[in-house]
């Protein structure tokens, strides 16, 4: 009986350590974006807007993350202008327009017609022939789970009105 109890306790310890290792391995939103390699412009913008600590915070957050290609679609000079210190508040408004409080997975997004953003305005959500768009930007990858939320990749930068 003692050996059975010892075996069970050993299994509990091993399983508990495995669960903790998985939790520690999961990166937050910022580290996940950095690691992906296709969000360099977004990460630079988050840094310029002093939002790194916020997006590394407890959350949970849902981020509609434009890729570098999405930022490249903006008129020439737009990104450079937004990254200037004098345009920080405008940059903060744009970036927080891409963030929804809470963890909203794809299965939940498709049930919505809009979602209130951290910026304060609501983004319009549409589902057409199984494809989801947010303020006209197509969602191209969903449910990238992080330790403090979820990322949905979009193909355009969305702008508050």
N, C-alpha and C. Protein backbone atom coordinates (compact mmCIF):
# COMPACT_ATOMS: atom_id res chain seq x y z
N UNK A 1 0.82 -1.20 0.00
CA UNK A 1 0.00 0.00 0.00
C UNK A 1 0.86 1.25 0.00
N UNK A 2 1.96 1.22 0.83
CA UNK A 2 2.85 2.37 0.89
C UNK A 2 3.46 2.67 -0.48
N UNK A 3 3.83 1.62 -1.22
CA UNK A 3 4.43 1.84 -2.54
C UNK A 3 3.41 2.40 -3.52
N UNK A 4 2.14 1.99 -3.38
CA UNK A 4 1.08 2.54 -4.24
C UNK A 4 0.90 4.03 -3.97
N UNK A 5 0.84 4.41 -2.70
CA UNK A 5 0.70 5.81 -2.31
C UNK A 5 1.91 6.61 -2.80
N UNK A 6 3.09 6.06 -2.65
CA UNK A 6 4.31 6.73 -3.10
C UNK A 6 4.28 6.92 -4.61
N UNK A 7 3.79 5.92 -5.35
CA UNK A 7 3.69 6.01 -6.81
C UNK A 7 2.71 7.10 -7.22
N UNK A 8 1.57 7.12 -6.55
CA UNK A 8 0.56 8.14 -6.86
C UNK A 8 1.11 9.53 -6.56
N UNK A 9 1.76 9.70 -5.43
CA UNK A 9 2.35 11.00 -5.09
C UNK A 9 3.41 11.41 -6.10
N UNK A 10 4.22 10.47 -6.53
CA UNK A 10 5.24 10.76 -7.54
C UNK A 10 4.59 11.22 -8.84
N UNK A 11 3.51 10.54 -9.24
CA UNK A 11 2.79 10.91 -10.45
C UNK A 11 2.21 12.31 -10.33
N UNK A 12 1.63 12.64 -9.20
CA UNK A 12 1.07 13.97 -8.96
C UNK A 12 2.15 15.04 -9.06
N UNK A 13 3.30 14.77 -8.48
CA UNK A 13 4.42 15.72 -8.53
C UNK A 13 4.88 15.92 -9.97
N UNK A 14 5.03 14.83 -10.72
CA UNK A 14 5.48 14.92 -12.12
C UNK A 14 4.46 15.66 -12.97
N UNK A 15 3.18 15.31 -12.83
CA UNK A 15 2.14 15.99 -13.60
C UNK A 15 2.05 17.46 -13.22
N UNK A 16 2.15 17.77 -11.96
CA UNK A 16 2.11 19.16 -11.52
C UNK A 16 3.26 19.95 -12.10
N UNK A 17 4.45 19.38 -12.13
CA UNK A 17 5.62 20.05 -12.70
C UNK A 17 5.43 20.26 -14.20
N UNK A 18 4.82 19.28 -14.87
CA UNK A 18 4.57 19.41 -16.31
C UNK A 18 3.60 20.55 -16.60
N UNK A 19 2.55 20.65 -15.82
CA UNK A 19 1.57 21.73 -16.01
C UNK A 19 2.22 23.08 -15.78
N UNK A 20 3.04 23.20 -14.74
CA UNK A 20 3.74 24.46 -14.49
C UNK A 20 4.70 24.80 -15.61
N UNK A 21 5.40 23.82 -16.16
CA UNK A 21 6.34 24.06 -17.25
C UNK A 21 5.61 24.58 -18.48
N UNK A 22 4.45 24.01 -18.79
CA UNK A 22 3.66 24.47 -19.93
C UNK A 22 3.22 25.91 -19.69
N UNK A 23 2.74 26.23 -18.50
CA UNK A 23 2.28 27.59 -18.19
C UNK A 23 3.43 28.59 -18.30
N UNK A 24 4.61 28.20 -17.84
CA UNK A 24 5.76 29.10 -17.90
C UNK A 24 6.26 29.27 -19.33
N UNK A 25 6.09 28.25 -20.19
CA UNK A 25 6.55 28.31 -21.56
C UNK A 25 5.70 29.24 -22.41
N UNK A 26 4.43 29.43 -22.05
CA UNK A 26 3.56 30.26 -22.85
C UNK A 26 3.94 31.72 -22.68
N UNK A 27 4.18 32.39 -23.80
CA UNK A 27 4.62 33.77 -23.77
C UNK A 27 3.43 34.72 -23.74
N UNK A 28 3.69 35.96 -23.28
CA UNK A 28 2.63 36.97 -23.28
C UNK A 28 2.45 37.51 -24.70
N UNK A 29 1.52 38.44 -24.86
CA UNK A 29 1.20 38.99 -26.18
C UNK A 29 2.42 39.61 -26.84
N UNK A 30 3.17 40.42 -26.12
CA UNK A 30 4.33 41.10 -26.70
C UNK A 30 5.40 40.10 -27.12
N UNK A 31 5.75 39.19 -26.23
CA UNK A 31 6.79 38.20 -26.55
C UNK A 31 6.37 37.29 -27.70
N UNK A 32 5.09 36.97 -27.77
CA UNK A 32 4.58 36.14 -28.87
C UNK A 32 4.71 36.90 -30.19
N UNK A 33 4.36 38.19 -30.19
CA UNK A 33 4.48 39.01 -31.41
C UNK A 33 5.94 39.14 -31.84
N UNK A 34 6.82 39.36 -30.88
CA UNK A 34 8.25 39.47 -31.18
C UNK A 34 8.75 38.15 -31.78
N UNK A 35 8.38 37.04 -31.16
CA UNK A 35 8.83 35.73 -31.61
C UNK A 35 8.31 35.34 -32.98
N UNK A 36 7.15 35.85 -33.37
CA UNK A 36 6.56 35.49 -34.66
C UNK A 36 7.38 36.03 -35.83
N UNK A 37 8.00 37.19 -35.64
CA UNK A 37 8.83 37.76 -36.70
C UNK A 37 8.09 38.54 -37.77
N UNK A 38 6.77 38.48 -37.81
CA UNK A 38 6.01 39.19 -38.84
C UNK A 38 5.28 40.41 -38.29
N UNK A 39 5.64 40.79 -37.06
CA UNK A 39 4.99 41.94 -36.41
C UNK A 39 6.02 42.98 -35.95
N UNK A 40 7.10 43.13 -36.70
CA UNK A 40 8.16 44.06 -36.30
C UNK A 40 7.65 45.49 -36.20
N UNK A 41 6.83 45.90 -37.15
CA UNK A 41 6.29 47.27 -37.13
C UNK A 41 5.35 47.46 -35.96
N UNK A 42 4.50 46.48 -35.72
CA UNK A 42 3.57 46.55 -34.59
C UNK A 42 4.34 46.64 -33.28
N UNK A 43 5.36 45.82 -33.13
CA UNK A 43 6.16 45.84 -31.89
C UNK A 43 6.85 47.19 -31.73
N UNK A 44 7.39 47.74 -32.82
CA UNK A 44 8.04 49.06 -32.75
C UNK A 44 7.02 50.13 -32.34
N UNK A 45 5.81 50.02 -32.86
CA UNK A 45 4.76 50.98 -32.52
C UNK A 45 4.35 50.85 -31.05
N UNK A 46 4.22 49.63 -30.58
CA UNK A 46 3.86 49.39 -29.17
C UNK A 46 4.95 49.96 -28.26
N UNK A 47 6.20 49.81 -28.66
CA UNK A 47 7.30 50.38 -27.88
C UNK A 47 7.25 51.91 -27.90
N UNK A 48 7.04 52.50 -29.07
CA UNK A 48 6.99 53.96 -29.20
C UNK A 48 5.83 54.56 -28.41
N UNK A 49 4.74 53.78 -28.28
CA UNK A 49 3.55 54.26 -27.57
C UNK A 49 3.62 53.95 -26.07
N UNK A 50 4.71 53.36 -25.62
CA UNK A 50 4.87 52.96 -24.21
C UNK A 50 3.76 52.03 -23.75
N UNK A 51 3.39 51.08 -24.60
CA UNK A 51 2.33 50.13 -24.26
C UNK A 51 2.87 48.73 -23.98
N UNK A 52 4.18 48.57 -23.97
CA UNK A 52 4.77 47.24 -23.76
C UNK A 52 4.33 46.66 -22.42
N UNK A 53 4.51 47.42 -21.35
CA UNK A 53 4.16 46.89 -20.02
C UNK A 53 2.67 46.59 -19.91
N UNK A 54 1.85 47.41 -20.54
CA UNK A 54 0.40 47.16 -20.52
C UNK A 54 0.09 45.83 -21.18
N UNK A 55 0.66 45.60 -22.36
CA UNK A 55 0.37 44.37 -23.10
C UNK A 55 1.12 43.16 -22.56
N UNK A 56 2.02 43.38 -21.63
CA UNK A 56 2.66 42.28 -20.92
C UNK A 56 1.94 42.03 -19.59
N UNK A 57 0.95 42.88 -19.30
CA UNK A 57 0.21 42.81 -18.05
C UNK A 57 -0.72 41.62 -17.99
N UNK A 58 -1.45 41.56 -16.89
CA UNK A 58 -2.30 40.41 -16.58
C UNK A 58 -3.35 40.14 -17.66
N UNK A 59 -3.98 41.21 -18.18
CA UNK A 59 -5.04 40.99 -19.17
C UNK A 59 -6.26 40.38 -18.55
N UNK A 60 -6.98 39.57 -19.27
CA UNK A 60 -6.66 39.13 -20.62
C UNK A 60 -7.04 40.18 -21.67
N UNK A 61 -6.34 40.11 -22.80
CA UNK A 61 -6.59 41.00 -23.93
C UNK A 61 -6.81 40.17 -25.19
N UNK A 62 -7.58 40.73 -26.10
CA UNK A 62 -7.70 40.19 -27.45
C UNK A 62 -7.11 41.24 -28.36
N UNK A 63 -6.10 40.86 -29.14
CA UNK A 63 -5.43 41.81 -30.02
C UNK A 63 -5.67 41.40 -31.46
N UNK A 64 -6.18 42.36 -32.25
CA UNK A 64 -6.28 42.20 -33.69
C UNK A 64 -4.99 42.79 -34.23
N UNK A 65 -4.03 41.91 -34.55
CA UNK A 65 -2.66 42.32 -34.84
C UNK A 65 -2.38 42.43 -36.33
N UNK A 66 -2.13 43.66 -36.80
CA UNK A 66 -1.75 43.81 -38.21
C UNK A 66 -0.30 43.35 -38.43
N UNK A 67 -0.07 42.67 -39.53
CA UNK A 67 1.27 42.21 -39.88
C UNK A 67 2.09 43.37 -40.43
N UNK A 68 3.38 43.12 -40.64
CA UNK A 68 4.23 44.12 -41.28
C UNK A 68 3.69 44.49 -42.66
N UNK A 69 3.18 43.49 -43.39
CA UNK A 69 2.59 43.74 -44.71
C UNK A 69 1.38 44.67 -44.61
N UNK A 70 0.61 44.53 -43.54
CA UNK A 70 -0.56 45.40 -43.33
C UNK A 70 -0.10 46.85 -43.14
N UNK A 71 0.93 47.04 -42.31
CA UNK A 71 1.46 48.39 -42.10
C UNK A 71 2.02 48.97 -43.39
N UNK A 72 2.60 48.11 -44.24
CA UNK A 72 3.19 48.57 -45.50
C UNK A 72 2.12 49.09 -46.47
N UNK A 73 0.86 48.71 -46.27
CA UNK A 73 -0.23 49.19 -47.13
C UNK A 73 -0.62 50.63 -46.82
N UNK A 74 -0.21 51.15 -45.67
CA UNK A 74 -0.52 52.54 -45.32
C UNK A 74 0.23 53.48 -46.26
N UNK A 75 -0.30 54.69 -46.47
CA UNK A 75 0.41 55.64 -47.33
C UNK A 75 1.86 55.84 -46.87
N UNK A 76 2.74 56.03 -47.83
CA UNK A 76 4.17 56.19 -47.54
C UNK A 76 4.38 57.31 -46.51
N UNK A 77 5.20 57.03 -45.51
CA UNK A 77 5.54 58.01 -44.49
C UNK A 77 4.61 57.98 -43.27
N UNK A 78 3.50 57.26 -43.35
CA UNK A 78 2.52 57.23 -42.25
C UNK A 78 3.13 56.61 -41.00
N UNK A 79 3.74 55.45 -41.14
CA UNK A 79 4.30 54.76 -39.98
C UNK A 79 5.40 55.60 -39.34
N UNK A 80 6.28 56.12 -40.17
CA UNK A 80 7.38 56.94 -39.66
C UNK A 80 6.84 58.15 -38.89
N UNK A 81 5.80 58.76 -39.43
CA UNK A 81 5.19 59.92 -38.77
C UNK A 81 4.57 59.54 -37.43
N UNK A 82 3.86 58.41 -37.41
CA UNK A 82 3.21 57.97 -36.17
C UNK A 82 4.21 57.62 -35.08
N UNK A 83 5.40 57.19 -35.46
CA UNK A 83 6.41 56.78 -34.47
C UNK A 83 7.12 57.98 -33.84
N UNK A 84 6.88 59.17 -34.35
CA UNK A 84 7.51 60.37 -33.78
C UNK A 84 6.87 60.69 -32.42
N UNK A 85 7.69 61.15 -31.47
CA UNK A 85 7.18 61.45 -30.11
C UNK A 85 5.99 62.41 -30.10
N UNK A 86 5.97 63.36 -30.99
CA UNK A 86 4.86 64.34 -30.99
C UNK A 86 3.53 63.71 -31.43
N UNK A 87 3.57 62.51 -32.00
CA UNK A 87 2.34 61.84 -32.44
C UNK A 87 1.97 60.65 -31.55
N UNK A 88 2.55 60.62 -30.36
CA UNK A 88 2.36 59.48 -29.46
C UNK A 88 0.89 59.24 -29.13
N UNK A 89 0.13 60.29 -28.82
CA UNK A 89 -1.28 60.09 -28.45
C UNK A 89 -2.10 59.51 -29.59
N UNK A 90 -1.80 59.94 -30.81
CA UNK A 90 -2.49 59.40 -31.98
C UNK A 90 -2.13 57.92 -32.15
N UNK A 91 -0.85 57.59 -31.96
CA UNK A 91 -0.41 56.21 -32.05
C UNK A 91 -1.07 55.35 -30.99
N UNK A 92 -1.14 55.85 -29.76
CA UNK A 92 -1.80 55.12 -28.68
C UNK A 92 -3.26 54.85 -29.04
N UNK A 93 -3.94 55.85 -29.58
CA UNK A 93 -5.35 55.67 -29.97
C UNK A 93 -5.50 54.59 -31.04
N UNK A 94 -4.61 54.60 -32.02
CA UNK A 94 -4.69 53.60 -33.08
C UNK A 94 -4.41 52.20 -32.53
N UNK A 95 -3.36 52.08 -31.74
CA UNK A 95 -3.01 50.76 -31.21
C UNK A 95 -4.07 50.21 -30.26
N UNK A 96 -4.59 51.04 -29.37
CA UNK A 96 -5.60 50.56 -28.42
C UNK A 96 -6.93 50.27 -29.12
N UNK A 97 -7.10 50.78 -30.35
CA UNK A 97 -8.27 50.45 -31.16
C UNK A 97 -8.19 49.00 -31.67
N UNK A 98 -7.00 48.42 -31.64
CA UNK A 98 -6.79 47.05 -32.05
C UNK A 98 -6.92 46.06 -30.90
N UNK A 99 -7.24 46.56 -29.70
CA UNK A 99 -7.28 45.71 -28.50
C UNK A 99 -8.67 45.72 -27.88
N UNK A 100 -9.17 44.53 -27.60
CA UNK A 100 -10.46 44.37 -26.94
C UNK A 100 -10.18 43.76 -25.57
N UNK A 101 -10.79 44.32 -24.51
CA UNK A 101 -10.59 43.71 -23.19
C UNK A 101 -11.20 42.30 -23.16
N UNK A 102 -10.54 41.40 -22.47
CA UNK A 102 -11.03 40.04 -22.35
C UNK A 102 -10.41 39.14 -23.41
N UNK A 103 -10.65 37.86 -23.27
CA UNK A 103 -10.13 36.87 -24.21
C UNK A 103 -11.28 36.40 -25.08
N UNK A 104 -11.28 36.87 -26.33
CA UNK A 104 -12.36 36.55 -27.27
C UNK A 104 -11.79 35.63 -28.35
N UNK A 105 -12.11 34.36 -28.24
CA UNK A 105 -11.63 33.37 -29.22
C UNK A 105 -12.45 33.46 -30.50
N UNK A 106 -11.94 32.86 -31.58
CA UNK A 106 -12.61 32.92 -32.89
C UNK A 106 -14.05 32.44 -32.82
N UNK A 107 -14.30 31.38 -32.07
CA UNK A 107 -15.66 30.84 -31.96
C UNK A 107 -16.62 31.87 -31.37
N UNK A 108 -16.09 32.82 -30.57
CA UNK A 108 -16.91 33.88 -29.98
C UNK A 108 -16.98 35.10 -30.90
N UNK A 109 -15.89 35.39 -31.59
CA UNK A 109 -15.84 36.56 -32.49
C UNK A 109 -16.91 36.43 -33.56
N UNK A 110 -17.08 35.25 -34.11
CA UNK A 110 -18.04 35.06 -35.21
C UNK A 110 -19.49 35.32 -34.78
N UNK A 111 -19.75 35.35 -33.49
CA UNK A 111 -21.10 35.61 -32.99
C UNK A 111 -21.36 37.10 -32.76
N UNK A 112 -20.31 37.92 -32.91
CA UNK A 112 -20.41 39.35 -32.62
C UNK A 112 -20.62 40.18 -33.89
N UNK A 113 -21.22 41.33 -33.72
CA UNK A 113 -21.31 42.29 -34.83
C UNK A 113 -20.41 43.50 -34.56
N UNK A 114 -20.03 43.64 -33.30
CA UNK A 114 -19.08 44.69 -32.92
C UNK A 114 -18.48 44.34 -31.57
N UNK A 115 -17.36 45.01 -31.27
CA UNK A 115 -16.71 44.80 -29.98
C UNK A 115 -16.10 46.12 -29.54
N UNK A 116 -16.32 46.48 -28.28
CA UNK A 116 -15.76 47.72 -27.75
C UNK A 116 -14.26 47.54 -27.50
N UNK A 117 -13.47 48.49 -27.96
CA UNK A 117 -12.02 48.41 -27.83
C UNK A 117 -11.54 49.15 -26.60
N UNK A 118 -10.28 48.93 -26.25
CA UNK A 118 -9.65 49.64 -25.14
C UNK A 118 -9.63 51.15 -25.43
N UNK A 119 -9.54 51.52 -26.70
CA UNK A 119 -9.54 52.93 -27.11
C UNK A 119 -10.86 53.61 -26.77
N UNK A 120 -11.95 52.83 -26.71
CA UNK A 120 -13.25 53.38 -26.35
C UNK A 120 -14.30 53.23 -27.44
N UNK A 121 -13.87 53.20 -28.68
CA UNK A 121 -14.80 53.00 -29.79
C UNK A 121 -15.00 51.51 -30.04
N UNK A 122 -16.02 51.21 -30.81
CA UNK A 122 -16.28 49.81 -31.15
C UNK A 122 -15.82 49.52 -32.57
N UNK A 123 -15.25 48.33 -32.76
CA UNK A 123 -14.92 47.87 -34.11
C UNK A 123 -16.12 47.07 -34.63
N UNK A 124 -16.35 47.17 -35.93
CA UNK A 124 -17.42 46.40 -36.57
C UNK A 124 -16.86 45.04 -36.97
N UNK A 125 -17.61 44.00 -36.66
CA UNK A 125 -17.20 42.64 -37.00
C UNK A 125 -18.23 42.07 -37.97
N UNK A 126 -17.72 41.51 -39.06
CA UNK A 126 -18.61 40.93 -40.07
C UNK A 126 -18.13 39.53 -40.41
N UNK A 127 -19.10 38.65 -40.67
CA UNK A 127 -18.79 37.30 -41.12
C UNK A 127 -19.48 37.13 -42.46
N UNK A 128 -18.66 36.84 -43.49
CA UNK A 128 -19.20 36.67 -44.84
C UNK A 128 -18.60 35.42 -45.44
N UNK A 129 -19.45 34.45 -45.74
CA UNK A 129 -19.02 33.17 -46.30
C UNK A 129 -17.93 32.53 -45.46
N UNK A 130 -18.10 32.58 -44.14
CA UNK A 130 -17.18 31.94 -43.23
C UNK A 130 -15.90 32.72 -42.95
N UNK A 131 -15.75 33.88 -43.58
CA UNK A 131 -14.56 34.71 -43.35
C UNK A 131 -14.93 35.89 -42.48
N UNK A 132 -14.05 36.19 -41.51
CA UNK A 132 -14.31 37.26 -40.55
C UNK A 132 -13.49 38.49 -40.93
N UNK A 133 -14.13 39.65 -40.79
CA UNK A 133 -13.41 40.91 -40.97
C UNK A 133 -13.71 41.83 -39.79
N UNK A 134 -12.73 42.66 -39.48
CA UNK A 134 -12.85 43.63 -38.40
C UNK A 134 -12.61 45.00 -39.01
N UNK A 135 -13.64 45.84 -39.03
CA UNK A 135 -13.55 47.14 -39.68
C UNK A 135 -12.98 47.04 -41.09
N UNK A 136 -13.34 45.98 -41.80
CA UNK A 136 -12.89 45.79 -43.19
C UNK A 136 -11.58 45.04 -43.33
N UNK A 137 -10.83 44.88 -42.26
CA UNK A 137 -9.57 44.11 -42.31
C UNK A 137 -9.91 42.63 -42.18
N UNK A 138 -9.34 41.80 -43.03
CA UNK A 138 -9.60 40.36 -42.98
C UNK A 138 -8.80 39.71 -41.87
N UNK A 139 -9.46 38.84 -41.13
CA UNK A 139 -8.77 38.04 -40.11
C UNK A 139 -8.17 36.85 -40.86
N UNK A 140 -6.83 36.77 -40.84
CA UNK A 140 -6.14 35.75 -41.63
C UNK A 140 -5.59 34.60 -40.78
N UNK A 141 -5.54 34.79 -39.48
CA UNK A 141 -5.10 33.73 -38.57
C UNK A 141 -5.74 34.01 -37.21
N UNK A 142 -6.22 32.96 -36.57
CA UNK A 142 -6.97 33.16 -35.32
C UNK A 142 -6.39 32.35 -34.18
N UNK A 143 -6.82 32.76 -32.99
CA UNK A 143 -6.60 31.99 -31.76
C UNK A 143 -5.13 31.66 -31.47
N UNK A 144 -4.26 32.65 -31.62
CA UNK A 144 -2.88 32.48 -31.18
C UNK A 144 -2.91 32.81 -29.69
N UNK A 145 -2.97 31.76 -28.89
CA UNK A 145 -3.15 31.95 -27.45
C UNK A 145 -1.84 32.32 -26.78
N UNK A 146 -1.93 33.25 -25.85
CA UNK A 146 -0.78 33.71 -25.08
C UNK A 146 -1.11 33.58 -23.60
N UNK A 147 -0.13 33.87 -22.77
CA UNK A 147 -0.37 33.75 -21.33
C UNK A 147 -1.34 34.80 -20.81
N UNK A 148 -1.54 35.89 -21.57
CA UNK A 148 -2.43 36.96 -21.10
C UNK A 148 -3.47 37.35 -22.13
N UNK A 149 -3.82 36.43 -23.01
CA UNK A 149 -4.87 36.73 -23.97
C UNK A 149 -4.74 35.93 -25.25
N UNK A 150 -5.22 36.55 -26.32
CA UNK A 150 -5.24 35.87 -27.62
C UNK A 150 -4.98 36.90 -28.72
N UNK A 151 -4.32 36.45 -29.78
CA UNK A 151 -4.04 37.29 -30.94
C UNK A 151 -4.77 36.73 -32.14
N UNK A 152 -5.42 37.64 -32.89
CA UNK A 152 -5.99 37.31 -34.19
C UNK A 152 -5.25 38.20 -35.19
N UNK A 153 -4.69 37.60 -36.22
CA UNK A 153 -3.89 38.34 -37.20
C UNK A 153 -4.81 38.94 -38.25
N UNK A 154 -4.60 40.23 -38.57
CA UNK A 154 -5.40 40.90 -39.60
C UNK A 154 -4.48 41.43 -40.70
N UNK A 155 -5.07 41.65 -41.88
CA UNK A 155 -4.27 42.03 -43.05
C UNK A 155 -4.26 43.53 -43.34
N UNK A 156 -4.79 44.33 -42.42
CA UNK A 156 -4.79 45.78 -42.60
C UNK A 156 -4.77 46.45 -41.23
N UNK A 157 -4.29 47.68 -41.20
CA UNK A 157 -4.33 48.48 -39.98
C UNK A 157 -5.71 49.14 -39.93
N UNK A 158 -6.39 48.99 -38.82
CA UNK A 158 -7.72 49.59 -38.68
C UNK A 158 -7.57 50.92 -37.92
N UNK A 159 -8.37 51.89 -38.30
CA UNK A 159 -8.23 53.23 -37.72
C UNK A 159 -9.53 53.68 -37.07
N UNK A 160 -9.44 54.23 -35.87
CA UNK A 160 -10.65 54.75 -35.22
C UNK A 160 -11.19 55.93 -36.02
N UNK A 161 -12.48 56.14 -35.92
CA UNK A 161 -13.11 57.26 -36.66
C UNK A 161 -12.70 58.58 -36.06
